[in-house]
Amino acid sequence: MSVGVGDVAPTFRLPTTGGRHVLLGDYVGNPVVLVFYPGDDSPICTRQLTTYNEALSQFAALNARVLAISAQSVESHERFSSRHGFGFPLLSDVDKAVAEAYGTLGPLGFARRSVFVIDGAGIIRYAHRAIAGITFRPVGELVDVLLGLAG
């Protein structure tokens, strides 16, 4: 059974770019935009993360943090992030345990492009799991969810 809106967000600790680890609990008190993407350097993933990166000031204005997760290694994430100058961490979920906890694995164990908005108390307030993954959720939609949390 997948987690959904109103559920407590599954906690995790994952290695990330910059030689650190990220704990979801480190963000208590701030909303988190949690992005699951299929893979580094693919055209749609690159466009999605670049779009979110260009909107970081909009997310920051609402005290929201962006975290992006895929199954590639930290080394792959380092190269991908360096090429595109991402201002948010790319987390490495090589065993796909976090993707499984959030219900983002599709057929044959491939990650589905998904996004969750988690409020400052750790409750999922928005969940979208793509069927085909050829598009991604627009920044405005995510900002609107975040604005709803502030109201």
N, C-alpha and C. Protein backbone atom coordinates (compact mmCIF):
# COMPACT_ATOMS: atom_id res chain seq x y z
N MET A 1 0.84 -1.18 0.00
CA MET A 1 0.00 0.00 0.00
C MET A 1 0.89 1.24 0.00
N SER A 2 0.57 2.19 -0.85
CA SER A 2 1.35 3.42 -0.99
C SER A 2 0.90 4.48 -0.01
N VAL A 3 1.81 5.33 0.36
CA VAL A 3 1.45 6.46 1.20
C VAL A 3 0.75 7.50 0.34
N GLY A 4 -0.08 8.29 0.99
CA GLY A 4 -0.81 9.32 0.26
C GLY A 4 -1.04 10.54 1.11
N VAL A 5 -1.84 11.43 0.60
CA VAL A 5 -2.14 12.69 1.29
C VAL A 5 -2.74 12.37 2.67
N GLY A 6 -2.21 13.04 3.68
CA GLY A 6 -2.66 12.85 5.05
C GLY A 6 -1.83 11.87 5.84
N ASP A 7 -1.00 11.08 5.16
CA ASP A 7 -0.13 10.10 5.84
C ASP A 7 1.15 10.77 6.33
N VAL A 8 1.73 10.18 7.35
CA VAL A 8 3.06 10.60 7.80
C VAL A 8 4.06 10.17 6.73
N ALA A 9 4.92 11.08 6.34
CA ALA A 9 5.93 10.78 5.32
C ALA A 9 6.94 9.77 5.87
N PRO A 10 7.20 8.71 5.13
CA PRO A 10 8.22 7.76 5.57
C PRO A 10 9.57 8.48 5.72
N THR A 11 10.21 8.24 6.82
CA THR A 11 11.49 8.89 7.06
C THR A 11 12.59 8.14 6.32
N PHE A 12 13.70 8.81 6.11
CA PHE A 12 14.82 8.17 5.41
C PHE A 12 16.10 8.92 5.73
N ARG A 13 17.20 8.24 5.47
CA ARG A 13 18.54 8.82 5.53
C ARG A 13 19.26 8.30 4.29
N LEU A 14 19.67 9.22 3.41
CA LEU A 14 20.31 8.83 2.16
C LEU A 14 21.57 9.63 1.91
N PRO A 15 22.56 9.02 1.26
CA PRO A 15 23.75 9.77 0.86
C PRO A 15 23.39 10.74 -0.26
N THR A 16 24.12 11.85 -0.29
CA THR A 16 23.82 12.89 -1.26
C THR A 16 25.09 13.54 -1.78
N THR A 17 24.89 14.40 -2.75
CA THR A 17 26.00 15.17 -3.31
C THR A 17 26.67 15.96 -2.20
N GLY A 18 27.93 16.22 -2.38
CA GLY A 18 28.69 16.98 -1.38
C GLY A 18 29.22 16.12 -0.26
N GLY A 19 29.09 14.79 -0.38
CA GLY A 19 29.64 13.89 0.63
C GLY A 19 28.86 13.86 1.93
N ARG A 20 27.61 14.25 1.89
CA ARG A 20 26.80 14.29 3.11
C ARG A 20 25.70 13.22 3.05
N HIS A 21 24.93 13.17 4.12
CA HIS A 21 23.71 12.36 4.17
C HIS A 21 22.56 13.30 4.52
N VAL A 22 21.41 13.01 3.99
CA VAL A 22 20.22 13.81 4.28
C VAL A 22 19.24 12.94 5.06
N LEU A 23 18.75 13.49 6.14
CA LEU A 23 17.68 12.88 6.92
C LEU A 23 16.43 13.71 6.70
N LEU A 24 15.32 13.06 6.38
CA LEU A 24 14.09 13.82 6.21
C LEU A 24 13.79 14.62 7.48
N GLY A 25 14.08 14.04 8.64
CA GLY A 25 13.83 14.71 9.92
C GLY A 25 14.60 16.00 10.11
N ASP A 26 15.65 16.21 9.32
CA ASP A 26 16.41 17.47 9.41
C ASP A 26 15.58 18.66 8.97
N TYR A 27 14.47 18.40 8.28
CA TYR A 27 13.67 19.48 7.71
C TYR A 27 12.38 19.74 8.48
N VAL A 28 12.24 19.15 9.66
CA VAL A 28 11.05 19.40 10.48
C VAL A 28 10.91 20.90 10.68
N GLY A 29 9.70 21.38 10.50
CA GLY A 29 9.43 22.81 10.62
C GLY A 29 9.38 23.52 9.29
N ASN A 30 9.90 22.87 8.25
CA ASN A 30 9.88 23.44 6.89
C ASN A 30 9.24 22.45 5.94
N PRO A 31 8.47 22.95 4.99
CA PRO A 31 7.93 22.04 3.98
C PRO A 31 9.05 21.53 3.06
N VAL A 32 8.81 20.34 2.53
CA VAL A 32 9.76 19.70 1.62
C VAL A 32 9.03 19.33 0.34
N VAL A 33 9.64 19.67 -0.79
CA VAL A 33 9.18 19.19 -2.09
C VAL A 33 10.10 18.02 -2.43
N LEU A 34 9.55 16.82 -2.34
CA LEU A 34 10.32 15.60 -2.53
C LEU A 34 10.06 15.07 -3.93
N VAL A 35 11.11 15.08 -4.75
CA VAL A 35 11.00 14.74 -6.17
C VAL A 35 11.69 13.40 -6.42
N PHE A 36 10.95 12.43 -6.93
CA PHE A 36 11.53 11.17 -7.39
C PHE A 36 11.63 11.25 -8.90
N TYR A 37 12.83 11.04 -9.43
CA TYR A 37 13.01 11.11 -10.88
C TYR A 37 13.72 9.83 -11.34
N PRO A 38 13.42 9.39 -12.57
CA PRO A 38 13.96 8.11 -13.04
C PRO A 38 15.48 8.05 -13.19
N GLY A 39 16.12 9.11 -13.72
CA GLY A 39 17.55 8.96 -13.91
C GLY A 39 18.29 10.21 -14.30
N ASP A 40 19.53 10.28 -13.87
CA ASP A 40 20.41 11.39 -14.21
C ASP A 40 20.60 11.46 -15.72
N ASP A 41 20.65 12.67 -16.22
CA ASP A 41 21.00 12.97 -17.61
C ASP A 41 19.97 12.56 -18.66
N SER A 42 18.83 12.05 -18.27
CA SER A 42 17.80 11.80 -19.28
C SER A 42 17.15 13.13 -19.64
N PRO A 43 16.64 13.28 -20.84
CA PRO A 43 16.14 14.59 -21.27
C PRO A 43 15.02 15.16 -20.38
N ILE A 44 14.03 14.34 -20.04
CA ILE A 44 12.91 14.88 -19.25
C ILE A 44 13.36 15.15 -17.82
N CYS A 45 14.15 14.28 -17.24
CA CYS A 45 14.65 14.50 -15.88
C CYS A 45 15.50 15.77 -15.81
N THR A 46 16.33 15.96 -16.81
CA THR A 46 17.16 17.16 -16.85
C THR A 46 16.29 18.41 -16.93
N ARG A 47 15.28 18.38 -17.79
CA ARG A 47 14.38 19.52 -17.93
C ARG A 47 13.61 19.76 -16.63
N GLN A 48 13.14 18.68 -16.00
CA GLN A 48 12.39 18.82 -14.75
C GLN A 48 13.24 19.45 -13.65
N LEU A 49 14.41 18.90 -13.42
CA LEU A 49 15.24 19.41 -12.33
C LEU A 49 15.77 20.81 -12.62
N THR A 50 16.05 21.09 -13.88
CA THR A 50 16.48 22.44 -14.26
C THR A 50 15.35 23.43 -14.01
N THR A 51 14.12 23.05 -14.35
CA THR A 51 12.95 23.91 -14.11
C THR A 51 12.79 24.19 -12.62
N TYR A 52 12.90 23.16 -11.79
CA TYR A 52 12.76 23.35 -10.34
C TYR A 52 13.92 24.18 -9.80
N ASN A 53 15.11 23.98 -10.36
CA ASN A 53 16.26 24.76 -9.93
C ASN A 53 16.07 26.25 -10.24
N GLU A 54 15.52 26.54 -11.41
CA GLU A 54 15.28 27.94 -11.79
C GLU A 54 14.22 28.58 -10.89
N ALA A 55 13.41 27.78 -10.23
CA ALA A 55 12.34 28.28 -9.35
C ALA A 55 12.71 28.21 -7.88
N LEU A 56 13.97 27.95 -7.57
CA LEU A 56 14.36 27.80 -6.16
C LEU A 56 13.97 29.01 -5.31
N SER A 57 14.04 30.19 -5.87
CA SER A 57 13.69 31.38 -5.08
C SER A 57 12.21 31.37 -4.71
N GLN A 58 11.36 30.83 -5.59
CA GLN A 58 9.93 30.72 -5.26
C GLN A 58 9.71 29.74 -4.11
N PHE A 59 10.42 28.62 -4.15
CA PHE A 59 10.31 27.64 -3.07
C PHE A 59 10.89 28.21 -1.78
N ALA A 60 12.04 28.85 -1.87
CA ALA A 60 12.69 29.42 -0.69
C ALA A 60 11.82 30.50 -0.03
N ALA A 61 11.09 31.26 -0.85
CA ALA A 61 10.22 32.30 -0.30
C ALA A 61 9.13 31.71 0.59
N LEU A 62 8.84 30.44 0.41
CA LEU A 62 7.84 29.75 1.21
C LEU A 62 8.51 28.80 2.22
N ASN A 63 9.81 29.00 2.44
CA ASN A 63 10.62 28.19 3.36
C ASN A 63 10.65 26.71 2.99
N ALA A 64 10.39 26.40 1.74
CA ALA A 64 10.37 25.01 1.28
C ALA A 64 11.74 24.59 0.77
N ARG A 65 12.07 23.34 1.03
CA ARG A 65 13.31 22.76 0.55
C ARG A 65 12.99 21.74 -0.53
N VAL A 66 13.81 21.69 -1.56
CA VAL A 66 13.65 20.71 -2.63
C VAL A 66 14.70 19.62 -2.42
N LEU A 67 14.25 18.37 -2.46
CA LEU A 67 15.13 17.21 -2.41
C LEU A 67 14.77 16.33 -3.60
N ALA A 68 15.76 15.87 -4.35
CA ALA A 68 15.51 15.02 -5.52
C ALA A 68 16.18 13.66 -5.31
N ILE A 69 15.44 12.61 -5.58
CA ILE A 69 15.90 11.24 -5.32
C ILE A 69 15.82 10.40 -6.58
N SER A 70 16.89 9.64 -6.84
CA SER A 70 16.85 8.60 -7.87
C SER A 70 17.80 7.48 -7.46
N ALA A 71 17.79 6.42 -8.24
CA ALA A 71 18.56 5.23 -7.87
C ALA A 71 20.02 5.26 -8.32
N GLN A 72 20.46 6.33 -8.96
CA GLN A 72 21.85 6.38 -9.39
C GLN A 72 22.78 6.62 -8.19
N SER A 73 24.05 6.38 -8.42
CA SER A 73 25.06 6.54 -7.38
C SER A 73 25.32 8.02 -7.08
N VAL A 74 25.92 8.27 -5.94
CA VAL A 74 26.31 9.63 -5.59
C VAL A 74 27.25 10.19 -6.65
N GLU A 75 28.15 9.37 -7.17
CA GLU A 75 29.10 9.83 -8.19
C GLU A 75 28.36 10.31 -9.44
N SER A 76 27.35 9.57 -9.86
CA SER A 76 26.55 9.98 -11.01
C SER A 76 25.83 11.29 -10.70
N HIS A 77 25.28 11.39 -9.50
CA HIS A 77 24.60 12.63 -9.08
C HIS A 77 25.55 13.82 -9.07
N GLU A 78 26.78 13.59 -8.60
CA GLU A 78 27.78 14.67 -8.56
C GLU A 78 28.02 15.22 -9.96
N ARG A 79 28.20 14.33 -10.93
CA ARG A 79 28.44 14.76 -12.32
C ARG A 79 27.22 15.50 -12.87
N PHE A 80 26.05 14.95 -12.66
CA PHE A 80 24.80 15.54 -13.16
C PHE A 80 24.57 16.91 -12.53
N SER A 81 24.73 17.01 -11.24
CA SER A 81 24.52 18.28 -10.54
C SER A 81 25.56 19.32 -10.96
N SER A 82 26.79 18.89 -11.10
CA SER A 82 27.86 19.80 -11.51
C SER A 82 27.61 20.38 -12.90
N ARG A 83 27.14 19.54 -13.81
CA ARG A 83 26.85 19.98 -15.17
C ARG A 83 25.75 21.04 -15.22
N HIS A 84 24.78 20.93 -14.30
CA HIS A 84 23.59 21.79 -14.37
C HIS A 84 23.48 22.79 -13.23
N GLY A 85 24.39 22.74 -12.27
CA GLY A 85 24.41 23.72 -11.18
C GLY A 85 23.18 23.67 -10.27
N PHE A 86 22.71 22.47 -9.96
CA PHE A 86 21.54 22.36 -9.11
C PHE A 86 21.82 22.92 -7.71
N GLY A 87 20.88 23.68 -7.20
CA GLY A 87 21.03 24.28 -5.87
C GLY A 87 20.33 23.49 -4.79
N PHE A 88 20.01 22.24 -5.07
CA PHE A 88 19.39 21.35 -4.10
C PHE A 88 20.10 20.01 -4.20
N PRO A 89 20.04 19.22 -3.13
CA PRO A 89 20.76 17.95 -3.15
C PRO A 89 20.07 16.88 -3.98
N LEU A 90 20.89 16.02 -4.59
CA LEU A 90 20.41 14.84 -5.29
C LEU A 90 20.76 13.65 -4.40
N LEU A 91 19.76 12.93 -3.97
CA LEU A 91 19.93 11.83 -3.03
C LEU A 91 19.99 10.50 -3.76
N SER A 92 20.85 9.63 -3.29
CA SER A 92 21.09 8.34 -3.94
C SER A 92 20.35 7.23 -3.20
N ASP A 93 19.37 6.63 -3.87
CA ASP A 93 18.54 5.55 -3.33
C ASP A 93 18.80 4.29 -4.15
N VAL A 94 20.06 3.81 -4.12
CA VAL A 94 20.46 2.72 -5.01
C VAL A 94 19.69 1.43 -4.77
N ASP A 95 19.29 1.17 -3.54
CA ASP A 95 18.52 -0.06 -3.29
C ASP A 95 17.01 0.15 -3.45
N LYS A 96 16.63 1.38 -3.79
CA LYS A 96 15.24 1.77 -4.06
C LYS A 96 14.31 1.58 -2.87
N ALA A 97 14.86 1.54 -1.67
CA ALA A 97 14.04 1.35 -0.47
C ALA A 97 13.14 2.55 -0.21
N VAL A 98 13.64 3.76 -0.45
CA VAL A 98 12.83 4.95 -0.22
C VAL A 98 11.76 5.05 -1.31
N ALA A 99 12.15 4.77 -2.55
CA ALA A 99 11.17 4.77 -3.65
C ALA A 99 10.05 3.77 -3.36
N GLU A 100 10.41 2.63 -2.83
CA GLU A 100 9.40 1.62 -2.49
C GLU A 100 8.50 2.12 -1.36
N ALA A 101 9.09 2.75 -0.35
CA ALA A 101 8.30 3.25 0.79
C ALA A 101 7.28 4.30 0.35
N TYR A 102 7.62 5.06 -0.68
CA TYR A 102 6.72 6.10 -1.19
C TYR A 102 5.83 5.60 -2.33
N GLY A 103 5.99 4.34 -2.72
CA GLY A 103 5.15 3.78 -3.76
C GLY A 103 5.42 4.34 -5.14
N THR A 104 6.69 4.64 -5.42
CA THR A 104 7.01 5.24 -6.71
C THR A 104 7.65 4.27 -7.70
N LEU A 105 7.72 3.00 -7.33
CA LEU A 105 8.29 2.02 -8.27
C LEU A 105 7.19 1.51 -9.19
N GLY A 106 7.49 1.52 -10.46
CA GLY A 106 6.53 1.03 -11.45
C GLY A 106 6.83 -0.41 -11.80
N PRO A 107 6.27 -0.86 -12.91
CA PRO A 107 6.53 -2.23 -13.37
C PRO A 107 8.03 -2.47 -13.56
N LEU A 108 8.44 -3.65 -13.25
CA LEU A 108 9.84 -4.08 -13.39
C LEU A 108 10.79 -3.31 -12.48
N GLY A 109 10.25 -2.59 -11.48
CA GLY A 109 11.10 -1.90 -10.51
C GLY A 109 11.69 -0.59 -10.97
N PHE A 110 11.20 -0.06 -12.08
CA PHE A 110 11.67 1.24 -12.55
C PHE A 110 10.95 2.35 -11.80
N ALA A 111 11.68 3.40 -11.50
CA ALA A 111 11.09 4.53 -10.77
C ALA A 111 10.12 5.30 -11.65
N ARG A 112 9.02 5.69 -11.06
CA ARG A 112 8.06 6.56 -11.75
C ARG A 112 8.30 7.99 -11.29
N ARG A 113 8.25 8.91 -12.24
CA ARG A 113 8.42 10.32 -11.91
C ARG A 113 7.30 10.70 -10.95
N SER A 114 7.68 11.15 -9.77
CA SER A 114 6.70 11.43 -8.72
C SER A 114 7.14 12.63 -7.91
N VAL A 115 6.17 13.29 -7.29
CA VAL A 115 6.50 14.43 -6.42
C VAL A 115 5.53 14.45 -5.25
N PHE A 116 6.08 14.77 -4.08
CA PHE A 116 5.31 14.86 -2.85
C PHE A 116 5.63 16.20 -2.21
N VAL A 117 4.63 16.81 -1.60
CA VAL A 117 4.86 17.97 -0.76
C VAL A 117 4.56 17.52 0.67
N ILE A 118 5.55 17.70 1.52
CA ILE A 118 5.46 17.29 2.92
C ILE A 118 5.49 18.55 3.76
N ASP A 119 4.54 18.68 4.66
CA ASP A 119 4.50 19.90 5.48
C ASP A 119 5.55 19.84 6.59
N GLY A 120 5.66 20.93 7.33
CA GLY A 120 6.68 21.04 8.37
C GLY A 120 6.53 20.05 9.51
N ALA A 121 5.35 19.43 9.63
CA ALA A 121 5.11 18.42 10.65
C ALA A 121 5.35 17.00 10.13
N GLY A 122 5.76 16.89 8.86
CA GLY A 122 6.06 15.58 8.29
C GLY A 122 4.87 14.85 7.71
N ILE A 123 3.80 15.59 7.40
CA ILE A 123 2.59 15.00 6.82
C ILE A 123 2.58 15.27 5.31
N ILE A 124 2.26 14.24 4.54
CA ILE A 124 2.16 14.41 3.09
C ILE A 124 0.90 15.21 2.78
N ARG A 125 1.07 16.33 2.09
CA ARG A 125 -0.06 17.20 1.73
C ARG A 125 -0.37 17.18 0.23
N TYR A 126 0.52 16.58 -0.55
CA TYR A 126 0.33 16.47 -2.00
C TYR A 126 1.13 15.27 -2.46
N ALA A 127 0.53 14.48 -3.34
CA ALA A 127 1.22 13.31 -3.90
C ALA A 127 0.82 13.14 -5.35
N HIS A 128 1.81 13.02 -6.20
CA HIS A 128 1.54 12.74 -7.61
C HIS A 128 2.55 11.72 -8.11
N ARG A 129 2.03 10.62 -8.64
CA ARG A 129 2.87 9.58 -9.24
C ARG A 129 2.48 9.48 -10.71
N ALA A 130 3.43 9.75 -11.58
CA ALA A 130 3.15 9.72 -13.01
C ALA A 130 2.97 8.29 -13.49
N ILE A 131 2.09 8.13 -14.44
CA ILE A 131 1.90 6.81 -15.06
C ILE A 131 2.98 6.59 -16.12
N ALA A 132 3.11 7.55 -17.04
CA ALA A 132 4.07 7.42 -18.13
C ALA A 132 5.37 8.17 -17.86
N GLY A 133 5.32 9.26 -17.13
CA GLY A 133 6.54 9.99 -16.78
C GLY A 133 7.11 10.85 -17.88
N ILE A 134 6.29 11.18 -18.90
CA ILE A 134 6.83 11.99 -19.98
C ILE A 134 6.62 13.48 -19.73
N THR A 135 5.92 13.80 -18.65
CA THR A 135 5.76 15.19 -18.21
C THR A 135 6.06 15.25 -16.72
N PHE A 136 6.13 16.46 -16.20
CA PHE A 136 6.36 16.62 -14.77
C PHE A 136 5.46 17.72 -14.25
N ARG A 137 5.28 17.75 -12.95
CA ARG A 137 4.39 18.72 -12.32
C ARG A 137 4.99 20.11 -12.42
N PRO A 138 4.19 21.08 -12.86
CA PRO A 138 4.70 22.45 -13.02
C PRO A 138 4.96 23.12 -11.68
N VAL A 139 5.90 24.03 -11.69
CA VAL A 139 6.28 24.78 -10.49
C VAL A 139 5.06 25.46 -9.87
N GLY A 140 4.23 26.10 -10.69
CA GLY A 140 3.06 26.81 -10.18
C GLY A 140 2.15 25.93 -9.36
N GLU A 141 1.96 24.69 -9.79
CA GLU A 141 1.12 23.75 -9.05
C GLU A 141 1.71 23.45 -7.68
N LEU A 142 3.01 23.25 -7.62
CA LEU A 142 3.69 22.96 -6.35
C LEU A 142 3.68 24.19 -5.44
N VAL A 143 3.91 25.35 -6.01
CA VAL A 143 3.87 26.60 -5.22
C VAL A 143 2.47 26.81 -4.65
N ASP A 144 1.43 26.54 -5.44
CA ASP A 144 0.06 26.68 -4.93
C ASP A 144 -0.18 25.77 -3.72
N VAL A 145 0.33 24.54 -3.78
CA VAL A 145 0.20 23.64 -2.62
C VAL A 145 0.91 24.23 -1.42
N LEU A 146 2.12 24.73 -1.64
CA LEU A 146 2.88 25.33 -0.54
C LEU A 146 2.18 26.55 0.03
N LEU A 147 1.60 27.35 -0.84
CA LEU A 147 0.86 28.53 -0.36
C LEU A 147 -0.32 28.10 0.50
N GLY A 148 -0.96 27.00 0.15
CA GLY A 148 -2.06 26.47 0.95
C GLY A 148 -1.61 26.04 2.33
N LEU A 149 -0.38 25.60 2.45
CA LEU A 149 0.15 25.22 3.77
C LEU A 149 0.35 26.43 4.65
N ALA A 150 0.73 27.53 4.02
CA ALA A 150 1.02 28.76 4.78
C ALA A 150 -0.28 29.42 5.25
N GLY A 151 -1.40 29.15 4.56
CA GLY A 151 -2.65 29.81 4.88
C GLY A 151 -3.39 29.14 5.94
